[in-house]
Amino acid sequence: MFLAPYDSDAHLLLGRIYLRTGRQQDAVEALTIAVWSDPANAEAKQLLDRLR
């Protein structure tokens, strides 16, 4: 995350990890950055829509 702070796939993975550990607000933040970094990331959009 330090070397590529706007890597959409890294934030998607982080969001999925947060969801598995029950940290929903952190997951929303990570997935929001994933979508912001790459608007074509359909998986991140789908997960974020499910949480909102």
N, C-alpha and C. Protein backbone atom coordinates (compact mmCIF):
# COMPACT_ATOMS: atom_id res chain seq x y z
N MET A 1 0.81 -1.18 0.00
CA MET A 1 0.00 0.00 0.00
C MET A 1 0.87 1.26 0.00
N PHE A 2 2.02 1.19 0.62
CA PHE A 2 2.89 2.37 0.65
C PHE A 2 3.49 2.66 -0.72
N LEU A 3 3.81 1.62 -1.47
CA LEU A 3 4.46 1.82 -2.76
C LEU A 3 3.48 2.19 -3.86
N ALA A 4 2.25 1.77 -3.73
CA ALA A 4 1.23 2.07 -4.75
C ALA A 4 -0.07 2.45 -4.05
N PRO A 5 -0.16 3.67 -3.51
CA PRO A 5 -1.34 4.03 -2.71
C PRO A 5 -2.64 4.13 -3.49
N TYR A 6 -2.57 4.19 -4.82
CA TYR A 6 -3.78 4.29 -5.62
C TYR A 6 -4.02 3.05 -6.47
N ASP A 7 -3.47 1.92 -6.05
CA ASP A 7 -3.67 0.67 -6.76
C ASP A 7 -5.06 0.11 -6.41
N SER A 8 -5.92 0.09 -7.38
CA SER A 8 -7.30 -0.31 -7.16
C SER A 8 -7.42 -1.74 -6.63
N ASP A 9 -6.62 -2.65 -7.19
CA ASP A 9 -6.69 -4.05 -6.76
C ASP A 9 -6.26 -4.22 -5.30
N ALA A 10 -5.29 -3.46 -4.87
CA ALA A 10 -4.84 -3.55 -3.47
C ALA A 10 -5.94 -3.08 -2.53
N HIS A 11 -6.63 -2.02 -2.87
CA HIS A 11 -7.72 -1.53 -2.03
C HIS A 11 -8.92 -2.47 -2.07
N LEU A 12 -9.15 -3.11 -3.21
CA LEU A 12 -10.22 -4.11 -3.30
C LEU A 12 -9.92 -5.28 -2.36
N LEU A 13 -8.71 -5.75 -2.39
CA LEU A 13 -8.32 -6.84 -1.50
C LEU A 13 -8.44 -6.44 -0.04
N LEU A 14 -7.99 -5.24 0.28
CA LEU A 14 -8.09 -4.75 1.66
C LEU A 14 -9.56 -4.65 2.09
N GLY A 15 -10.41 -4.18 1.20
CA GLY A 15 -11.83 -4.10 1.51
C GLY A 15 -12.45 -5.46 1.77
N ARG A 16 -12.05 -6.44 0.97
CA ARG A 16 -12.56 -7.81 1.18
C ARG A 16 -12.08 -8.39 2.51
N ILE A 17 -10.85 -8.09 2.87
CA ILE A 17 -10.32 -8.55 4.18
C ILE A 17 -11.11 -7.90 5.31
N TYR A 18 -11.35 -6.60 5.19
CA TYR A 18 -12.13 -5.91 6.22
C TYR A 18 -13.52 -6.50 6.34
N LEU A 19 -14.15 -6.86 5.24
CA LEU A 19 -15.48 -7.46 5.30
C LEU A 19 -15.45 -8.79 6.03
N ARG A 20 -14.44 -9.59 5.77
CA ARG A 20 -14.35 -10.90 6.43
C ARG A 20 -14.13 -10.78 7.93
N THR A 21 -13.50 -9.68 8.36
CA THR A 21 -13.22 -9.50 9.79
C THR A 21 -14.28 -8.65 10.48
N GLY A 22 -15.34 -8.26 9.74
CA GLY A 22 -16.43 -7.54 10.34
C GLY A 22 -16.24 -6.04 10.45
N ARG A 23 -15.27 -5.50 9.79
CA ARG A 23 -14.99 -4.05 9.85
C ARG A 23 -15.62 -3.38 8.63
N GLN A 24 -16.92 -3.21 8.70
CA GLN A 24 -17.69 -2.75 7.55
C GLN A 24 -17.33 -1.32 7.14
N GLN A 25 -17.18 -0.40 8.09
CA GLN A 25 -16.87 0.98 7.73
C GLN A 25 -15.51 1.08 7.06
N ASP A 26 -14.53 0.33 7.55
CA ASP A 26 -13.21 0.31 6.92
C ASP A 26 -13.28 -0.27 5.51
N ALA A 27 -14.14 -1.27 5.34
CA ALA A 27 -14.32 -1.88 4.02
C ALA A 27 -14.92 -0.87 3.04
N VAL A 28 -15.89 -0.10 3.49
CA VAL A 28 -16.50 0.92 2.63
C VAL A 28 -15.45 1.93 2.20
N GLU A 29 -14.60 2.35 3.12
CA GLU A 29 -13.57 3.33 2.79
C GLU A 29 -12.57 2.76 1.78
N ALA A 30 -12.13 1.53 1.99
CA ALA A 30 -11.17 0.91 1.07
C ALA A 30 -11.79 0.70 -0.31
N LEU A 31 -13.02 0.26 -0.34
CA LEU A 31 -13.69 0.03 -1.63
C LEU A 31 -13.98 1.34 -2.35
N THR A 32 -14.25 2.39 -1.61
CA THR A 32 -14.45 3.70 -2.22
C THR A 32 -13.19 4.16 -2.91
N ILE A 33 -12.05 3.97 -2.27
CA ILE A 33 -10.77 4.33 -2.88
C ILE A 33 -10.50 3.46 -4.10
N ALA A 34 -10.87 2.19 -4.02
CA ALA A 34 -10.67 1.29 -5.17
C ALA A 34 -11.46 1.76 -6.38
N VAL A 35 -12.71 2.18 -6.16
CA VAL A 35 -13.54 2.66 -7.26
C VAL A 35 -13.03 4.02 -7.76
N TRP A 36 -12.62 4.86 -6.84
CA TRP A 36 -12.09 6.17 -7.22
C TRP A 36 -10.82 6.02 -8.06
N SER A 37 -9.97 5.06 -7.68
CA SER A 37 -8.71 4.85 -8.39
C SER A 37 -8.92 4.26 -9.78
N ASP A 38 -9.92 3.39 -9.91
CA ASP A 38 -10.19 2.74 -11.20
C ASP A 38 -11.70 2.60 -11.36
N PRO A 39 -12.33 3.56 -12.00
CA PRO A 39 -13.79 3.51 -12.16
C PRO A 39 -14.30 2.28 -12.92
N ALA A 40 -13.43 1.58 -13.61
CA ALA A 40 -13.85 0.39 -14.35
C ALA A 40 -13.79 -0.88 -13.50
N ASN A 41 -13.44 -0.78 -12.23
CA ASN A 41 -13.34 -1.94 -11.35
C ASN A 41 -14.75 -2.37 -10.93
N ALA A 42 -15.32 -3.28 -11.68
CA ALA A 42 -16.71 -3.71 -11.47
C ALA A 42 -16.90 -4.45 -10.15
N GLU A 43 -15.93 -5.25 -9.75
CA GLU A 43 -16.07 -6.00 -8.50
C GLU A 43 -16.12 -5.08 -7.30
N ALA A 44 -15.28 -4.06 -7.29
CA ALA A 44 -15.30 -3.09 -6.18
C ALA A 44 -16.61 -2.33 -6.15
N LYS A 45 -17.13 -1.95 -7.32
CA LYS A 45 -18.42 -1.25 -7.39
C LYS A 45 -19.54 -2.12 -6.85
N GLN A 46 -19.52 -3.39 -7.21
CA GLN A 46 -20.57 -4.31 -6.78
C GLN A 46 -20.55 -4.48 -5.26
N LEU A 47 -19.37 -4.69 -4.69
CA LEU A 47 -19.26 -4.84 -3.24
C LEU A 47 -19.68 -3.56 -2.53
N LEU A 48 -19.27 -2.43 -3.05
CA LEU A 48 -19.62 -1.16 -2.42
C LEU A 48 -21.12 -0.92 -2.47
N ASP A 49 -21.76 -1.24 -3.58
CA ASP A 49 -23.21 -1.09 -3.69
C ASP A 49 -23.94 -1.99 -2.70
N ARG A 50 -23.41 -3.16 -2.49
CA ARG A 50 -24.02 -4.10 -1.54
C ARG A 50 -23.95 -3.57 -0.11
N LEU A 51 -22.89 -2.83 0.20
CA LEU A 51 -22.71 -2.32 1.57
C LEU A 51 -23.50 -1.06 1.85
N ARG A 52 -23.83 -0.33 0.81
CA ARG A 52 -24.55 0.95 1.01
C ARG A 52 -26.01 0.79 1.03
